[in-house]
Amino acid sequence: MWLPDIVLDVSSTSSEDSDEENEELNKLQALQEKRINEEEEKKKEKSKEKIKLKKKRKRSYSSSTEEDSSKQKKQKYQKKEKKKEKKNKSKKGKHHKKEKKKRKKEKRSSPDRSEFTKK
């Protein structure tokens, strides 16, 4: 059996196919880049919106009536004063306790105490 030699011009068709494939690949890459860019922009917008909402919340809280703000300031001042008083009292109490302990130790160690107990 004799088969005729069939010669195809592969170079021309393969280059055309590769050009088409390259174009398709380029289109796909461009689409992917667009999607990525759009996603990044959406993320940025969302973060900006979150920041704006936080600022609005702070503003709405702080933009309450002047009376409320003055009351809040007074309350804060009173709380600070109370804390200072508590600290001072606790310091005085600790110091006072230390002095009591010292006195007790002195009484225990002094020989005069034994004389008082005998009488």
C-alpha atoms as a PDB file:
ATOM      1  CA  MET A   1       0.000   0.000   0.000  1.00  0.00           C
ATOM      2  CA  TRP A   2       1.287   3.161  -1.064  1.00  0.00           C
ATOM      3  CA  LEU A   3       0.261   6.337   0.797  1.00  0.00           C
ATOM      4  CA  PRO A   4       0.741   9.613  -0.866  1.00  0.00           C
ATOM      5  CA  ASP A   5       2.893  12.099   0.921  1.00  0.00           C
ATOM      6  CA  ILE A   6       0.633  14.786   2.184  1.00  0.00           C
ATOM      7  CA  VAL A   7       2.407  17.879   3.237  1.00  0.00           C
ATOM      8  CA  LEU A   8       0.540  20.456   5.234  1.00  0.00           C
ATOM      9  CA  ASP A   9       1.739  23.942   5.632  1.00  0.00           C
ATOM     10  CA  VAL A  10       1.687  23.824   9.410  1.00  0.00           C
ATOM     11  CA  SER A  11       3.600  27.003   9.919  1.00  0.00           C
ATOM     12  CA  SER A  12       0.887  29.248   8.591  1.00  0.00           C
ATOM     13  CA  THR A  13      -2.021  27.636  10.465  1.00  0.00           C
ATOM     14  CA  SER A  14      -0.139  27.264  13.716  1.00  0.00           C
ATOM     15  CA  SER A  15       0.882  30.901  13.730  1.00  0.00           C
ATOM     16  CA  GLU A  16      -2.691  31.968  13.066  1.00  0.00           C
ATOM     17  CA  ASP A  17      -3.926  29.676  15.853  1.00  0.00           C
ATOM     18  CA  SER A  18      -1.287  30.905  18.239  1.00  0.00           C
ATOM     19  CA  ASP A  19      -2.153  34.514  17.427  1.00  0.00           C
ATOM     20  CA  GLU A  20      -5.806  33.825  18.167  1.00  0.00           C
ATOM     21  CA  GLU A  21      -4.885  32.011  21.385  1.00  0.00           C
ATOM     22  CA  ASN A  22      -2.635  34.883  22.409  1.00  0.00           C
ATOM     23  CA  GLU A  23      -5.427  37.349  21.802  1.00  0.00           C
ATOM     24  CA  GLU A  24      -7.826  35.251  23.863  1.00  0.00           C
ATOM     25  CA  LEU A  25      -5.278  34.931  26.646  1.00  0.00           C
ATOM     26  CA  ASN A  26      -4.680  38.658  26.593  1.00  0.00           C
ATOM     27  CA  LYS A  27      -8.425  39.307  26.787  1.00  0.00           C
ATOM     28  CA  LEU A  28      -8.775  36.898  29.703  1.00  0.00           C
ATOM     29  CA  GLN A  29      -5.864  38.505  31.526  1.00  0.00           C
ATOM     30  CA  ALA A  30      -7.321  41.935  30.938  1.00  0.00           C
ATOM     31  CA  LEU A  31     -10.675  40.783  32.327  1.00  0.00           C
ATOM     32  CA  GLN A  32      -8.990  39.292  35.372  1.00  0.00           C
ATOM     33  CA  GLU A  33      -7.066  42.499  35.992  1.00  0.00           C
ATOM     34  CA  LYS A  34     -10.272  44.522  35.687  1.00  0.00           C
ATOM     35  CA  ARG A  35     -12.015  42.257  38.179  1.00  0.00           C
ATOM     36  CA  ILE A  36      -9.131  42.494  40.591  1.00  0.00           C
ATOM     37  CA  ASN A  37      -9.051  46.289  40.283  1.00  0.00           C
ATOM     38  CA  GLU A  38     -12.817  46.504  40.771  1.00  0.00           C
ATOM     39  CA  GLU A  39     -12.623  44.308  43.873  1.00  0.00           C
ATOM     40  CA  GLU A  40      -9.842  46.465  45.320  1.00  0.00           C
ATOM     41  CA  GLU A  41     -11.850  49.617  44.635  1.00  0.00           C
ATOM     42  CA  LYS A  42     -14.900  48.093  46.312  1.00  0.00           C
ATOM     43  CA  LYS A  43     -12.819  47.188  49.356  1.00  0.00           C
ATOM     44  CA  LYS A  44     -11.438  50.717  49.533  1.00  0.00           C
ATOM     45  CA  GLU A  45     -14.924  52.201  49.229  1.00  0.00           C
ATOM     46  CA  LYS A  46     -16.241  49.922  51.962  1.00  0.00           C
ATOM     47  CA  SER A  47     -13.422  50.882  54.298  1.00  0.00           C
ATOM     48  CA  LYS A  48     -14.036  54.572  53.568  1.00  0.00           C
ATOM     49  CA  GLU A  49     -17.744  54.109  54.263  1.00  0.00           C
ATOM     50  CA  LYS A  50     -16.977  52.383  57.553  1.00  0.00           C
ATOM     51  CA  ILE A  51     -14.732  55.252  58.569  1.00  0.00           C
ATOM     52  CA  LYS A  52     -17.420  57.758  57.632  1.00  0.00           C
ATOM     53  CA  LEU A  53     -20.021  55.856  59.657  1.00  0.00           C
ATOM     54  CA  LYS A  54     -17.728  55.807  62.672  1.00  0.00           C
ATOM     55  CA  LYS A  55     -17.153  59.541  62.368  1.00  0.00           C
ATOM     56  CA  LYS A  56     -20.884  60.160  62.029  1.00  0.00           C
ATOM     57  CA  ARG A  57     -21.566  58.107  65.146  1.00  0.00           C
ATOM     58  CA  LYS A  58     -19.008  60.103  67.074  1.00  0.00           C
ATOM     59  CA  ARG A  59     -20.413  63.359  65.765  1.00  0.00           C
ATOM     60  CA  SER A  60     -23.990  62.417  66.506  1.00  0.00           C
ATOM     61  CA  TYR A  61     -23.014  61.440  70.027  1.00  0.00           C
ATOM     62  CA  SER A  62     -21.016  64.600  70.602  1.00  0.00           C
ATOM     63  CA  SER A  63     -23.509  66.851  68.828  1.00  0.00           C
ATOM     64  CA  SER A  64     -26.156  66.308  71.473  1.00  0.00           C
ATOM     65  CA  THR A  65     -27.638  69.407  73.096  1.00  0.00           C
ATOM     66  CA  GLU A  66     -25.373  71.734  75.008  1.00  0.00           C
ATOM     67  CA  GLU A  67     -27.176  70.948  78.238  1.00  0.00           C
ATOM     68  CA  ASP A  68     -26.406  67.277  77.869  1.00  0.00           C
ATOM     69  CA  SER A  69     -22.772  68.013  77.164  1.00  0.00           C
ATOM     70  CA  SER A  70     -22.491  70.305  80.182  1.00  0.00           C
ATOM     71  CA  LYS A  71     -24.165  67.660  82.339  1.00  0.00           C
ATOM     72  CA  GLN A  72     -21.762  65.071  81.014  1.00  0.00           C
ATOM     73  CA  LYS A  73     -18.819  67.313  81.782  1.00  0.00           C
ATOM     74  CA  LYS A  74     -20.075  67.830  85.322  1.00  0.00           C
ATOM     75  CA  GLN A  75     -20.573  64.103  85.784  1.00  0.00           C
ATOM     76  CA  LYS A  76     -17.087  63.376  84.507  1.00  0.00           C
ATOM     77  CA  TYR A  77     -15.643  65.983  86.838  1.00  0.00           C
ATOM     78  CA  GLN A  78     -17.578  64.534  89.770  1.00  0.00           C
ATOM     79  CA  LYS A  79     -16.384  61.028  88.937  1.00  0.00           C
ATOM     80  CA  LYS A  80     -12.801  62.229  88.811  1.00  0.00           C
ATOM     81  CA  GLU A  81     -13.197  63.960  92.148  1.00  0.00           C
ATOM     82  CA  LYS A  82     -14.693  60.831  93.703  1.00  0.00           C
ATOM     83  CA  LYS A  83     -11.821  58.743  92.405  1.00  0.00           C
ATOM     84  CA  LYS A  84      -9.325  61.216  93.844  1.00  0.00           C
ATOM     85  CA  GLU A  85     -11.095  61.123  97.201  1.00  0.00           C
ATOM     86  CA  LYS A  86     -11.137  57.339  97.228  1.00  0.00           C
ATOM     87  CA  LYS A  87      -7.427  57.242  96.443  1.00  0.00           C
ATOM     88  CA  ASN A  88      -6.674  59.730  99.200  1.00  0.00           C
ATOM     89  CA  LYS A  89      -8.789  57.785 101.681  1.00  0.00           C
ATOM     90  CA  SER A  90      -7.170  54.503 100.776  1.00  0.00           C
ATOM     91  CA  LYS A  91      -3.738  56.064 101.124  1.00  0.00           C
ATOM     92  CA  LYS A  92      -4.630  57.517 104.503  1.00  0.00           C
ATOM     93  CA  GLY A  93      -6.090  54.212 105.597  1.00  0.00           C
ATOM     94  CA  LYS A  94      -2.991  52.295 104.573  1.00  0.00           C
ATOM     95  CA  HIS A  95      -0.741  54.762 106.320  1.00  0.00           C
ATOM     96  CA  HIS A  96      -2.934  54.626 109.391  1.00  0.00           C
ATOM     97  CA  LYS A  97      -2.815  50.832 109.404  1.00  0.00           C
ATOM     98  CA  LYS A  98       0.941  50.875 109.127  1.00  0.00           C
ATOM     99  CA  GLU A  99       1.172  53.186 112.115  1.00  0.00           C
ATOM    100  CA  LYS A 100      -1.108  50.887 114.122  1.00  0.00           C
ATOM    101  CA  LYS A 101       1.064  47.906 113.299  1.00  0.00           C
ATOM    102  CA  LYS A 102       4.173  49.803 114.342  1.00  0.00           C
ATOM    103  CA  ARG A 103       2.560  50.759 117.646  1.00  0.00           C
ATOM    104  CA  LYS A 104       1.531  47.168 118.291  1.00  0.00           C
ATOM    105  CA  LYS A 105       5.037  45.932 117.563  1.00  0.00           C
ATOM    106  CA  GLU A 106       6.499  48.565 119.878  1.00  0.00           C
ATOM    107  CA  LYS A 107       4.086  47.604 122.647  1.00  0.00           C
ATOM    108  CA  ARG A 108       4.924  43.927 122.249  1.00  0.00           C
ATOM    109  CA  SER A 109       8.654  44.508 122.245  1.00  0.00           C
ATOM    110  CA  SER A 110       8.684  47.002 125.142  1.00  0.00           C
ATOM    111  CA  PRO A 111       9.325  45.588 128.657  1.00  0.00           C
ATOM    112  CA  ASP A 112       6.785  48.049 130.132  1.00  0.00           C
ATOM    113  CA  ARG A 113       3.972  45.974 128.678  1.00  0.00           C
ATOM    114  CA  SER A 114       4.847  42.959 130.803  1.00  0.00           C
ATOM    115  CA  GLU A 115       4.691  45.126 133.908  1.00  0.00           C
ATOM    116  CA  PHE A 116       1.189  46.358 132.991  1.00  0.00           C
ATOM    117  CA  THR A 117      -0.111  42.838 132.512  1.00  0.00           C
ATOM    118  CA  LYS A 118       1.202  41.703 135.898  1.00  0.00           C
ATOM    119  CA  LYS A 119      -0.617  44.470 137.732  1.00  0.00           C
END
